[in-house]
Protein backbone atom coordinates (compact mmCIF):
# COMPACT_ATOMS: atom_id res chain seq x y z
CA UNK A 1 0.00 0.00 0.00
CA UNK A 2 1.34 3.41 -0.94
CA UNK A 3 2.31 5.62 2.01
CA UNK A 4 1.54 8.98 0.37
CA UNK A 5 -2.10 8.38 -0.39
CA UNK A 6 -4.56 10.98 0.83
CA UNK A 7 -7.34 10.40 3.31
CA UNK A 8 -9.87 10.68 0.51
CA UNK A 9 -8.04 8.11 -1.64
CA UNK A 10 -7.87 5.67 1.27
CA UNK A 11 -11.53 6.19 2.09
CA UNK A 12 -12.54 5.64 -1.54
CA UNK A 13 -10.55 2.40 -1.68
CA UNK A 14 -12.13 1.28 1.58
CA UNK A 15 -15.61 2.00 0.26
CA UNK A 16 -14.86 0.00 -2.89
CA UNK A 17 -13.65 -2.95 -0.83
CA UNK A 18 -16.76 -2.87 1.34
CA UNK A 19 -19.01 -2.80 -1.73
CA UNK A 20 -17.21 -5.75 -3.30
CA UNK A 21 -17.43 -7.75 -0.06
CA UNK A 22 -21.12 -6.92 0.34
CA UNK A 23 -21.86 -8.32 -3.10
CA UNK A 24 -20.65 -11.69 -1.87
CA UNK A 25 -19.24 -12.69 -5.24
CA UNK A 26 -15.59 -13.00 -4.21
CA UNK A 27 -13.94 -16.28 -3.32
CA UNK A 28 -12.90 -16.96 0.24
CA UNK A 29 -9.20 -16.21 -0.24
CA UNK A 30 -9.93 -13.01 -2.17
CA UNK A 31 -12.47 -11.97 0.46
CA UNK A 32 -9.97 -12.47 3.26
CA UNK A 33 -7.27 -10.54 1.39
CA UNK A 34 -9.74 -7.73 0.68
CA UNK A 35 -10.83 -7.70 4.31
CA UNK A 36 -7.20 -7.42 5.45
CA UNK A 37 -6.58 -4.53 3.08
CA UNK A 38 -9.80 -2.90 4.29
CA UNK A 39 -8.63 -3.15 7.90
CA UNK A 40 -5.31 -1.49 6.96
CA UNK A 41 -7.15 1.31 5.15
CA UNK A 42 -9.52 1.76 8.09
CA UNK A 43 -6.56 2.11 10.48
CA UNK A 44 -4.92 4.69 8.21
CA UNK A 45 -8.16 6.68 7.97
CA UNK A 46 -8.76 6.45 11.73
CA UNK A 47 -5.20 7.62 12.47
CA UNK A 48 -5.60 10.56 10.08
CA UNK A 49 -8.88 11.54 11.74
CA UNK A 50 -7.40 11.24 15.24
CA UNK A 51 -4.41 13.43 14.31
CA UNK A 52 -6.70 15.96 12.62
CA UNK A 53 -8.97 16.09 15.66
CA UNK A 54 -5.98 16.80 17.93
CA UNK A 55 -4.77 19.57 15.61
CA UNK A 56 -8.22 21.16 15.60
CA UNK A 57 -8.39 20.96 19.38
CA UNK A 58 -5.02 22.67 19.72
CA UNK A 59 -6.07 25.41 17.31
CA UNK A 60 -9.41 26.02 19.00
CA UNK A 61 -7.80 26.01 22.46
CA UNK A 62 -5.35 28.65 21.21
CA UNK A 63 -8.28 30.73 19.98
CA UNK A 64 -10.00 30.48 23.35
CA UNK A 65 -6.82 31.61 25.11
CA UNK A 66 -6.49 34.58 22.75
CA UNK A 67 -10.12 35.56 23.35
CA UNK A 68 -9.45 35.81 27.08
CA UNK A 69 -6.44 38.05 26.48
CA UNK A 70 -8.51 40.67 24.67
C-alpha atoms as a PDB file:
ATOM      1  CA  UNK A   1       0.000   0.000   0.000  1.00  0.00           C
ATOM      2  CA  UNK A   2       1.337   3.405  -0.940  1.00  0.00           C
ATOM      3  CA  UNK A   3       2.308   5.617   2.007  1.00  0.00           C
ATOM      4  CA  UNK A   4       1.540   8.977   0.368  1.00  0.00           C
ATOM      5  CA  UNK A   5      -2.105   8.381  -0.386  1.00  0.00           C
ATOM      6  CA  UNK A   6      -4.562  10.979   0.831  1.00  0.00           C
ATOM      7  CA  UNK A   7      -7.338  10.399   3.314  1.00  0.00           C
ATOM      8  CA  UNK A   8      -9.865  10.679   0.505  1.00  0.00           C
ATOM      9  CA  UNK A   9      -8.040   8.106  -1.642  1.00  0.00           C
ATOM     10  CA  UNK A  10      -7.870   5.668   1.271  1.00  0.00           C
ATOM     11  CA  UNK A  11     -11.530   6.187   2.089  1.00  0.00           C
ATOM     12  CA  UNK A  12     -12.538   5.643  -1.540  1.00  0.00           C
ATOM     13  CA  UNK A  13     -10.545   2.398  -1.676  1.00  0.00           C
ATOM     14  CA  UNK A  14     -12.128   1.276   1.585  1.00  0.00           C
ATOM     15  CA  UNK A  15     -15.615   2.001   0.257  1.00  0.00           C
ATOM     16  CA  UNK A  16     -14.863  -0.002  -2.893  1.00  0.00           C
ATOM     17  CA  UNK A  17     -13.653  -2.955  -0.832  1.00  0.00           C
ATOM     18  CA  UNK A  18     -16.763  -2.868   1.342  1.00  0.00           C
ATOM     19  CA  UNK A  19     -19.011  -2.800  -1.728  1.00  0.00           C
ATOM     20  CA  UNK A  20     -17.212  -5.754  -3.297  1.00  0.00           C
ATOM     21  CA  UNK A  21     -17.430  -7.746  -0.062  1.00  0.00           C
ATOM     22  CA  UNK A  22     -21.116  -6.915   0.345  1.00  0.00           C
ATOM     23  CA  UNK A  23     -21.862  -8.316  -3.099  1.00  0.00           C
ATOM     24  CA  UNK A  24     -20.653 -11.693  -1.868  1.00  0.00           C
ATOM     25  CA  UNK A  25     -19.239 -12.690  -5.239  1.00  0.00           C
ATOM     26  CA  UNK A  26     -15.588 -13.004  -4.208  1.00  0.00           C
ATOM     27  CA  UNK A  27     -13.943 -16.281  -3.323  1.00  0.00           C
ATOM     28  CA  UNK A  28     -12.904 -16.959   0.245  1.00  0.00           C
ATOM     29  CA  UNK A  29      -9.204 -16.208  -0.243  1.00  0.00           C
ATOM     30  CA  UNK A  30      -9.932 -13.008  -2.168  1.00  0.00           C
ATOM     31  CA  UNK A  31     -12.469 -11.972   0.456  1.00  0.00           C
ATOM     32  CA  UNK A  32      -9.972 -12.470   3.259  1.00  0.00           C
ATOM     33  CA  UNK A  33      -7.270 -10.535   1.390  1.00  0.00           C
ATOM     34  CA  UNK A  34      -9.738  -7.732   0.682  1.00  0.00           C
ATOM     35  CA  UNK A  35     -10.832  -7.696   4.313  1.00  0.00           C
ATOM     36  CA  UNK A  36      -7.195  -7.425   5.449  1.00  0.00           C
ATOM     37  CA  UNK A  37      -6.582  -4.529   3.077  1.00  0.00           C
ATOM     38  CA  UNK A  38      -9.796  -2.904   4.291  1.00  0.00           C
ATOM     39  CA  UNK A  39      -8.635  -3.152   7.898  1.00  0.00           C
ATOM     40  CA  UNK A  40      -5.309  -1.491   6.956  1.00  0.00           C
ATOM     41  CA  UNK A  41      -7.149   1.306   5.154  1.00  0.00           C
ATOM     42  CA  UNK A  42      -9.523   1.764   8.091  1.00  0.00           C
ATOM     43  CA  UNK A  43      -6.562   2.106  10.475  1.00  0.00           C
ATOM     44  CA  UNK A  44      -4.922   4.686   8.208  1.00  0.00           C
ATOM     45  CA  UNK A  45      -8.160   6.685   7.974  1.00  0.00           C
ATOM     46  CA  UNK A  46      -8.761   6.449  11.728  1.00  0.00           C
ATOM     47  CA  UNK A  47      -5.204   7.624  12.467  1.00  0.00           C
ATOM     48  CA  UNK A  48      -5.601  10.556  10.082  1.00  0.00           C
ATOM     49  CA  UNK A  49      -8.880  11.536  11.740  1.00  0.00           C
ATOM     50  CA  UNK A  50      -7.395  11.239  15.240  1.00  0.00           C
ATOM     51  CA  UNK A  51      -4.414  13.430  14.310  1.00  0.00           C
ATOM     52  CA  UNK A  52      -6.698  15.957  12.617  1.00  0.00           C
ATOM     53  CA  UNK A  53      -8.965  16.089  15.660  1.00  0.00           C
ATOM     54  CA  UNK A  54      -5.983  16.796  17.929  1.00  0.00           C
ATOM     55  CA  UNK A  55      -4.775  19.571  15.607  1.00  0.00           C
ATOM     56  CA  UNK A  56      -8.224  21.163  15.595  1.00  0.00           C
ATOM     57  CA  UNK A  57      -8.387  20.965  19.382  1.00  0.00           C
ATOM     58  CA  UNK A  58      -5.016  22.675  19.725  1.00  0.00           C
ATOM     59  CA  UNK A  59      -6.066  25.407  17.311  1.00  0.00           C
ATOM     60  CA  UNK A  60      -9.412  26.019  19.000  1.00  0.00           C
ATOM     61  CA  UNK A  61      -7.797  26.008  22.455  1.00  0.00           C
ATOM     62  CA  UNK A  62      -5.349  28.654  21.212  1.00  0.00           C
ATOM     63  CA  UNK A  63      -8.283  30.734  19.977  1.00  0.00           C
ATOM     64  CA  UNK A  64      -9.998  30.481  23.346  1.00  0.00           C
ATOM     65  CA  UNK A  65      -6.815  31.607  25.109  1.00  0.00           C
ATOM     66  CA  UNK A  66      -6.486  34.584  22.750  1.00  0.00           C
ATOM     67  CA  UNK A  67     -10.119  35.558  23.353  1.00  0.00           C
ATOM     68  CA  UNK A  68      -9.447  35.808  27.079  1.00  0.00           C
ATOM     69  CA  UNK A  69      -6.437  38.050  26.483  1.00  0.00           C
ATOM     70  CA  UNK A  70      -8.512  40.674  24.673  1.00  0.00           C
END
